C-alpha atoms as a PDB file:
ATOM      1  CA  MET A   1     -35.627 -36.157 -32.750  1.00  0.00           C
ATOM      2  CA  LEU A   2     -35.115 -32.633 -32.946  1.00  0.00           C
ATOM      3  CA  ILE A   3     -31.981 -30.828 -34.419  1.00  0.00           C
ATOM      4  CA  ARG A   4     -30.968 -27.250 -32.831  1.00  0.00           C
ATOM      5  CA  PRO A   5     -28.331 -25.079 -31.854  1.00  0.00           C
ATOM      6  CA  ALA A   6     -25.847 -26.499 -29.257  1.00  0.00           C
ATOM      7  CA  THR A   7     -25.788 -24.348 -26.067  1.00  0.00           C
ATOM      8  CA  ALA A   8     -23.040 -24.713 -23.281  1.00  0.00           C
ATOM      9  CA  ALA A   9     -25.748 -26.599 -21.192  1.00  0.00           C
ATOM     10  CA  ASP A  10     -25.851 -29.337 -24.055  1.00  0.00           C
ATOM     11  CA  TRP A  11     -21.830 -30.213 -23.399  1.00  0.00           C
ATOM     12  CA  PRO A  12     -22.500 -32.591 -20.406  1.00  0.00           C
ATOM     13  CA  GLY A  13     -24.744 -34.899 -23.165  1.00  0.00           C
ATOM     14  CA  ILE A  14     -21.722 -34.168 -25.623  1.00  0.00           C
ATOM     15  CA  TRP A  15     -18.780 -34.993 -24.012  1.00  0.00           C
ATOM     16  CA  PRO A  16     -19.237 -38.401 -23.003  1.00  0.00           C
ATOM     17  CA  PHE A  17     -19.648 -40.243 -26.609  1.00  0.00           C
ATOM     18  CA  LEU A  18     -17.467 -37.422 -27.991  1.00  0.00           C
ATOM     19  CA  ARG A  19     -14.631 -38.626 -25.343  1.00  0.00           C
ATOM     20  CA  GLU A  20     -15.443 -42.449 -26.457  1.00  0.00           C
ATOM     21  CA  ILE A  21     -15.292 -41.682 -30.001  1.00  0.00           C
ATOM     22  CA  VAL A  22     -12.110 -39.482 -30.108  1.00  0.00           C
ATOM     23  CA  ALA A  23     -10.350 -42.181 -27.390  1.00  0.00           C
ATOM     24  CA  ALA A  24     -11.187 -44.971 -29.913  1.00  0.00           C
ATOM     25  CA  GLY A  25      -8.799 -43.455 -32.550  1.00  0.00           C
ATOM     26  CA  GLU A  26     -10.825 -45.047 -35.575  1.00  0.00           C
ATOM     27  CA  THR A  27     -12.555 -41.794 -37.141  1.00  0.00           C
ATOM     28  CA  TYR A  28     -11.152 -38.570 -35.590  1.00  0.00           C
ATOM     29  CA  THR A  29      -7.373 -37.155 -36.059  1.00  0.00           C
ATOM     30  CA  TRP A  30      -7.412 -35.427 -32.994  1.00  0.00           C
ATOM     31  CA  PRO A  31      -5.392 -36.780 -29.875  1.00  0.00           C
ATOM     32  CA  ARG A  32      -6.620 -40.169 -28.430  1.00  0.00           C
ATOM     33  CA  ASP A  33      -6.271 -38.520 -24.973  1.00  0.00           C
ATOM     34  CA  VAL A  34      -7.950 -35.019 -25.462  1.00  0.00           C
ATOM     35  CA  ASP A  35      -8.997 -33.243 -22.499  1.00  0.00           C
ATOM     36  CA  GLU A  36     -12.762 -32.186 -21.999  1.00  0.00           C
ATOM     37  CA  GLU A  37     -11.296 -28.245 -21.975  1.00  0.00           C
ATOM     38  CA  THR A  38      -9.909 -28.904 -25.395  1.00  0.00           C
ATOM     39  CA  ALA A  39     -12.285 -31.235 -26.871  1.00  0.00           C
ATOM     40  CA  ARG A  40     -14.901 -28.678 -25.685  1.00  0.00           C
ATOM     41  CA  ALA A  41     -13.104 -25.690 -27.509  1.00  0.00           C
ATOM     42  CA  LEU A  42     -12.732 -27.389 -30.484  1.00  0.00           C
ATOM     43  CA  TRP A  43     -16.472 -28.313 -30.621  1.00  0.00           C
ATOM     44  CA  LEU A  44     -18.214 -25.812 -29.496  1.00  0.00           C
ATOM     45  CA  VAL A  45     -17.016 -23.479 -31.913  1.00  0.00           C
ATOM     46  CA  PRO A  46     -17.499 -19.713 -32.235  1.00  0.00           C
ATOM     47  CA  PRO A  47     -19.272 -17.695 -34.820  1.00  0.00           C
ATOM     48  CA  PRO A  48     -19.076 -17.804 -37.945  1.00  0.00           C
ATOM     49  CA  GLY A  49     -19.125 -21.144 -37.350  1.00  0.00           C
ATOM     50  CA  ARG A  50     -22.088 -23.245 -35.545  1.00  0.00           C
ATOM     51  CA  THR A  51     -22.579 -26.324 -33.459  1.00  0.00           C
ATOM     52  CA  VAL A  52     -26.119 -28.424 -33.566  1.00  0.00           C
ATOM     53  CA  VAL A  53     -27.197 -31.127 -31.777  1.00  0.00           C
ATOM     54  CA  ALA A  54     -29.675 -33.945 -32.353  1.00  0.00           C
ATOM     55  CA  VAL A  55     -31.827 -34.848 -29.511  1.00  0.00           C
ATOM     56  CA  ALA A  56     -34.379 -37.254 -28.395  1.00  0.00           C
ATOM     57  CA  PRO A  57     -38.125 -36.045 -26.998  1.00  0.00           C
ATOM     58  CA  ASP A  58     -36.582 -36.905 -23.461  1.00  0.00           C
ATOM     59  CA  GLY A  59     -33.892 -34.254 -24.678  1.00  0.00           C
ATOM     60  CA  THR A  60     -30.731 -37.020 -24.945  1.00  0.00           C
ATOM     61  CA  VAL A  61     -28.324 -35.651 -26.962  1.00  0.00           C
ATOM     62  CA  LEU A  62     -28.000 -38.373 -30.000  1.00  0.00           C
ATOM     63  CA  GLY A  63     -25.321 -36.716 -31.921  1.00  0.00           C
ATOM     64  CA  SER A  64     -23.820 -33.464 -32.680  1.00  0.00           C
ATOM     65  CA  ALA A  65     -22.299 -31.611 -35.795  1.00  0.00           C
ATOM     66  CA  LYS A  66     -20.286 -28.033 -36.368  1.00  0.00           C
ATOM     67  CA  LEU A  67     -20.334 -25.953 -39.348  1.00  0.00           C
ATOM     68  CA  THR A  68     -17.292 -23.883 -39.868  1.00  0.00           C
ATOM     69  CA  PRO A  69     -15.445 -22.730 -42.727  1.00  0.00           C
ATOM     70  CA  ASN A  70     -12.981 -24.184 -44.250  1.00  0.00           C
ATOM     71  CA  GLN A  71     -10.402 -21.823 -44.741  1.00  0.00           C
ATOM     72  CA  LEU A  72     -10.706 -17.973 -43.771  1.00  0.00           C
ATOM     73  CA  GLY A  73     -10.296 -15.373 -46.626  1.00  0.00           C
ATOM     74  CA  PRO A  74     -10.603 -16.327 -49.992  1.00  0.00           C
ATOM     75  CA  GLY A  75     -11.211 -19.605 -49.158  1.00  0.00           C
ATOM     76  CA  GLY A  76     -14.284 -18.639 -46.859  1.00  0.00           C
ATOM     77  CA  HIS A  77     -16.981 -19.612 -49.046  1.00  0.00           C
ATOM     78  CA  VAL A  78     -16.612 -23.298 -48.906  1.00  0.00           C
ATOM     79  CA  ALA A  79     -17.909 -25.245 -45.655  1.00  0.00           C
ATOM     80  CA  ASN A  80     -16.277 -27.657 -43.742  1.00  0.00           C
ATOM     81  CA  ALA A  81     -18.043 -29.762 -41.093  1.00  0.00           C
ATOM     82  CA  SER A  82     -17.453 -32.603 -38.489  1.00  0.00           C
ATOM     83  CA  PHE A  83     -20.447 -35.269 -36.944  1.00  0.00           C
ATOM     84  CA  MET A  84     -20.658 -37.170 -33.817  1.00  0.00           C
ATOM     85  CA  VAL A  85     -23.274 -39.895 -33.337  1.00  0.00           C
ATOM     86  CA  ALA A  86     -23.630 -41.154 -29.672  1.00  0.00           C
ATOM     87  CA  PRO A  87     -22.753 -45.110 -30.008  1.00  0.00           C
ATOM     88  CA  ALA A  88     -25.888 -45.898 -28.661  1.00  0.00           C
ATOM     89  CA  ALA A  89     -27.881 -43.658 -31.209  1.00  0.00           C
ATOM     90  CA  GLY A  90     -25.933 -45.304 -34.407  1.00  0.00           C
ATOM     91  CA  GLY A  91     -27.868 -47.054 -37.193  1.00  0.00           C
ATOM     92  CA  ARG A  92     -30.898 -44.808 -36.263  1.00  0.00           C
ATOM     93  CA  GLY A  93     -30.940 -41.874 -39.038  1.00  0.00           C
ATOM     94  CA  VAL A  94     -28.994 -39.438 -36.883  1.00  0.00           C
ATOM     95  CA  GLY A  95     -25.912 -38.858 -39.037  1.00  0.00           C
ATOM     96  CA  ARG A  96     -28.148 -38.477 -41.932  1.00  0.00           C
ATOM     97  CA  ALA A  97     -30.338 -35.839 -40.217  1.00  0.00           C
ATOM     98  CA  LEU A  98     -27.443 -34.092 -39.042  1.00  0.00           C
ATOM     99  CA  GLY A  99     -25.830 -34.057 -42.542  1.00  0.00           C
ATOM    100  CA  ALA A 100     -28.853 -32.850 -44.258  1.00  0.00           C
ATOM    101  CA  HIS A 101     -29.087 -30.030 -41.663  1.00  0.00           C
ATOM    102  CA  VAL A 102     -25.829 -28.973 -41.890  1.00  0.00           C
ATOM    103  CA  LEU A 103     -25.851 -28.511 -45.416  1.00  0.00           C
ATOM    104  CA  ASP A 104     -28.762 -26.808 -45.096  1.00  0.00           C
ATOM    105  CA  LEU A 105     -27.499 -24.471 -42.704  1.00  0.00           C
ATOM    106  CA  ALA A 106     -24.121 -24.175 -45.200  1.00  0.00           C
ATOM    107  CA  ARG A 107     -26.292 -23.014 -48.359  1.00  0.00           C
ATOM    108  CA  ALA A 108     -28.493 -20.825 -45.748  1.00  0.00           C
ATOM    109  CA  ASP A 109     -25.068 -19.054 -44.847  1.00  0.00           C
ATOM    110  CA  GLY A 110     -23.792 -18.118 -48.177  1.00  0.00           C
ATOM    111  CA  TYR A 111     -21.155 -21.372 -48.700  1.00  0.00           C
ATOM    112  CA  ARG A 112     -21.208 -22.423 -52.004  1.00  0.00           C
ATOM    113  CA  ALA A 113     -19.771 -25.750 -51.082  1.00  0.00           C
ATOM    114  CA  MET A 114     -18.328 -28.753 -48.376  1.00  0.00           C
ATOM    115  CA  GLN A 115     -15.438 -30.085 -48.208  1.00  0.00           C
ATOM    116  CA  PHE A 116     -14.533 -32.712 -45.498  1.00  0.00           C
ATOM    117  CA  ASN A 117     -10.701 -32.573 -45.278  1.00  0.00           C
ATOM    118  CA  ALA A 118     -10.156 -35.931 -43.552  1.00  0.00           C
ATOM    119  CA  VAL A 119     -12.413 -38.863 -43.709  1.00  0.00           C
ATOM    120  CA  VAL A 120     -11.093 -42.040 -42.497  1.00  0.00           C
ATOM    121  CA  ALA A 121     -11.223 -44.493 -46.019  1.00  0.00           C
ATOM    122  CA  THR A 122     -11.890 -47.343 -43.228  1.00  0.00           C
ATOM    123  CA  ASN A 123     -14.929 -45.715 -42.090  1.00  0.00           C
ATOM    124  CA  THR A 124     -17.252 -47.230 -44.220  1.00  0.00           C
ATOM    125  CA  ARG A 125     -20.617 -45.865 -42.750  1.00  0.00           C
ATOM    126  CA  ALA A 126     -19.293 -42.706 -43.199  1.00  0.00           C
ATOM    127  CA  VAL A 127     -18.269 -42.588 -46.449  1.00  0.00           C
ATOM    128  CA  ALA A 128     -21.504 -44.106 -47.668  1.00  0.00           C
ATOM    129  CA  LEU A 129     -23.494 -41.730 -46.016  1.00  0.00           C
ATOM    130  CA  TRP A 130     -21.477 -38.556 -47.527  1.00  0.00           C
ATOM    131  CA  ARG A 131     -21.367 -40.494 -50.838  1.00  0.00           C
ATOM    132  CA  SER A 132     -25.572 -40.520 -50.736  1.00  0.00           C
ATOM    133  CA  LEU A 133     -25.744 -36.965 -49.873  1.00  0.00           C
ATOM    134  CA  GLY A 134     -23.969 -36.137 -53.289  1.00  0.00           C
ATOM    135  CA  PHE A 135     -20.218 -36.172 -51.928  1.00  0.00           C
ATOM    136  CA  GLU A 136     -17.717 -37.443 -54.176  1.00  0.00           C
ATOM    137  CA  VAL A 137     -13.902 -38.035 -53.185  1.00  0.00           C
ATOM    138  CA  VAL A 138     -11.854 -35.465 -54.686  1.00  0.00           C
ATOM    139  CA  GLY A 139      -8.216 -36.387 -53.173  1.00  0.00           C
ATOM    140  CA  ARG A 140      -6.896 -38.993 -50.979  1.00  0.00           C
ATOM    141  CA  VAL A 141      -3.595 -38.860 -48.603  1.00  0.00           C
ATOM    142  CA  PRO A 142      -1.929 -42.532 -48.932  1.00  0.00           C
ATOM    143  CA  ASP A 143      -1.759 -43.393 -45.030  1.00  0.00           C
ATOM    144  CA  GLY A 144      -2.628 -40.383 -43.631  1.00  0.00           C
ATOM    145  CA  PHE A 145      -4.295 -41.970 -40.806  1.00  0.00           C
ATOM    146  CA  HIS A 146      -2.881 -44.406 -37.942  1.00  0.00           C
ATOM    147  CA  HIS A 147      -5.535 -46.721 -37.398  1.00  0.00           C
ATOM    148  CA  PRO A 148      -5.492 -48.601 -33.700  1.00  0.00           C
ATOM    149  CA  VAL A 149      -6.246 -52.010 -35.824  1.00  0.00           C
ATOM    150  CA  HIS A 150      -5.739 -51.510 -39.401  1.00  0.00           C
ATOM    151  CA  GLY A 151      -2.428 -49.717 -39.300  1.00  0.00           C
ATOM    152  CA  TYR A 152      -1.698 -46.865 -41.772  1.00  0.00           C
ATOM    153  CA  VAL A 153      -4.746 -46.143 -44.072  1.00  0.00           C
ATOM    154  CA  ASP A 154      -5.935 -43.415 -46.143  1.00  0.00           C
ATOM    155  CA  LEU A 155      -7.565 -40.356 -45.397  1.00  0.00           C
ATOM    156  CA  LEU A 156     -10.136 -39.125 -48.348  1.00  0.00           C
ATOM    157  CA  VAL A 157     -10.926 -35.374 -48.907  1.00  0.00           C
ATOM    158  CA  MET A 158     -14.672 -35.644 -49.740  1.00  0.00           C
ATOM    159  CA  TYR A 159     -16.482 -32.532 -51.413  1.00  0.00           C
ATOM    160  CA  ARG A 160     -19.759 -31.503 -52.974  1.00  0.00           C
ATOM    161  CA  ARG A 161     -21.397 -28.351 -54.391  1.00  0.00           C
ATOM    162  CA  LEU A 162     -24.238 -26.309 -52.814  1.00  0.00           C
END
């Protein structure tokens, strides 16, 4: 697997799994019916943000991540990131590889920390992955997410110094 900067040419490989993940409504705070134009603008971020893709040797996009400042101005030294792995590529280490890669990018860009503002508490695989990469839960928004199966569940704020 190769992780590299995303290009506009990667969007057709990202959009199908991004649409599927968002439509499921289990892990992202985006509208479940997000249209392609809006999704593309939200995912393929302009500088200083970065979007990367993990690709298989045959060029298939296995997952993607975006890195942005969590806040502007005096809060711009803390990074934020979002990750999506194609369901067909789940369990193959794509999320971990993207996570480690984005942490390295954030360090190289001069960020001092990374914060995730809204990790759905029932997304136990993601919570375990982020904990294994050094993140801790620093806050909890009770019933902050309306899950289609579990009803109202907590959102976690996760953080780690770089």
